[in-house]
Amino acid sequence: MALSILYAPQDAATSPAVDIVAVHSLGGDAITTWTHPKSKNFWVRFSLPQQIPDAGVMTFGYNADAAFERSTAEIFGIPKACWPA
């Protein structure tokens, strides 16, 4: 599990107005879920900050294999991955 910062506003003196965290669904992952299949534009990294420049943009990735595999993601581990002590 990983929380990855994709974009932080240039003005480091202030906090972002809002934080956006993109979380994929079962069978997805933190990059290809948000990448356009034809243009290969990883839009949460390259397009979203242009639309909302004062927002912090992150993606959260976890093991989301659902069929024929046993997921290693546990609901109780997600808060620890997002907000380490």
Protein backbone atom coordinates (compact mmCIF):
# COMPACT_ATOMS: atom_id res chain seq x y z
CA MET A 1 0.00 0.00 0.00
CA ALA A 2 1.28 3.41 -0.86
CA LEU A 3 0.15 7.01 -0.88
CA SER A 4 2.04 8.88 -3.61
CA ILE A 5 2.13 12.64 -4.04
CA LEU A 6 1.66 13.44 -7.72
CA TYR A 7 1.38 17.22 -7.51
CA ALA A 8 1.86 19.86 -4.84
CA PRO A 9 1.04 23.54 -5.47
CA GLN A 10 4.08 25.70 -6.17
CA ASP A 11 3.42 28.02 -3.23
CA ALA A 12 5.02 25.90 -0.50
CA ALA A 13 4.42 28.63 2.09
CA THR A 14 0.74 27.72 2.32
CA SER A 15 -1.12 24.44 2.45
CA PRO A 16 -3.09 23.32 -0.61
CA ALA A 17 -6.69 24.57 -0.69
CA VAL A 18 -7.80 20.94 -1.00
CA ASP A 19 -6.19 17.51 -1.28
CA ILE A 20 -7.46 15.08 -3.91
CA VAL A 21 -6.68 11.39 -3.42
CA ALA A 22 -7.43 9.07 -6.35
CA VAL A 23 -8.21 5.53 -5.13
CA HIS A 24 -8.59 2.75 -7.70
CA SER A 25 -11.13 -0.07 -7.56
CA LEU A 26 -10.74 -3.85 -7.47
CA GLY A 27 -8.59 -5.13 -10.32
CA GLY A 28 -7.04 -1.71 -10.89
CA ASP A 29 -3.85 -0.02 -9.83
CA ALA A 30 -2.68 3.45 -8.91
CA ILE A 31 -1.42 4.37 -12.39
CA THR A 32 -3.23 2.50 -15.19
CA THR A 33 -6.67 3.15 -13.67
CA TRP A 34 -6.09 6.88 -14.18
CA THR A 35 -4.28 6.63 -17.55
CA HIS A 36 -6.20 7.08 -20.80
CA PRO A 37 -5.72 3.89 -22.87
CA LYS A 38 -5.15 5.62 -26.22
CA SER A 39 -3.39 8.87 -25.35
CA LYS A 40 -1.51 7.36 -22.36
CA ASN A 41 -2.25 10.59 -20.46
CA PHE A 42 -1.93 9.96 -16.72
CA TRP A 43 -4.59 12.59 -16.24
CA VAL A 44 -4.62 12.84 -12.44
CA ARG A 45 -0.93 13.78 -12.64
CA PHE A 46 -0.82 15.94 -15.77
CA SER A 47 -4.34 17.27 -16.47
CA LEU A 48 -6.00 17.62 -13.07
CA PRO A 49 -3.41 20.07 -11.68
CA GLN A 50 -3.99 22.33 -14.69
CA GLN A 51 -7.70 22.42 -13.87
CA ILE A 52 -7.26 22.83 -10.09
CA PRO A 53 -3.79 24.37 -9.57
CA ASP A 54 -4.22 25.04 -5.84
CA ALA A 55 -5.04 21.39 -5.03
CA GLY A 56 -2.65 18.73 -3.85
CA VAL A 57 -3.05 15.56 -5.94
CA MET A 58 -2.20 12.07 -4.68
CA THR A 59 -2.93 8.49 -5.60
CA PHE A 60 -3.38 5.58 -3.23
CA GLY A 61 -2.34 2.14 -4.45
CA TYR A 62 -3.03 -1.22 -2.86
CA ASN A 63 -3.19 -4.87 -3.88
CA ALA A 64 -6.61 -5.05 -5.53
CA ASP A 65 -6.47 -8.51 -7.12
CA ALA A 66 -9.94 -9.96 -6.72
CA ALA A 67 -10.13 -13.17 -8.75
CA PHE A 68 -8.07 -16.29 -8.04
CA GLU A 69 -5.80 -14.40 -5.69
CA ARG A 70 -5.84 -13.51 -2.08
CA SER A 71 -5.63 -9.77 -1.53
CA THR A 72 -3.03 -8.58 0.95
CA ALA A 73 -4.95 -5.35 1.52
CA GLU A 74 -6.74 -5.23 4.82
CA ILE A 75 -9.21 -2.52 5.73
CA PHE A 76 -7.40 -1.86 9.01
CA GLY A 77 -4.06 -1.31 7.27
CA ILE A 78 -5.29 1.49 5.00
CA PRO A 79 -5.44 4.26 7.65
CA LYS A 80 -1.95 3.33 8.82
CA ALA A 81 -0.64 3.58 5.24
CA CYS A 82 -2.27 6.99 4.72
CA TRP A 83 -1.45 8.54 8.08
CA PRO A 84 1.67 7.00 9.61
CA ALA A 85 2.32 7.78 13.25
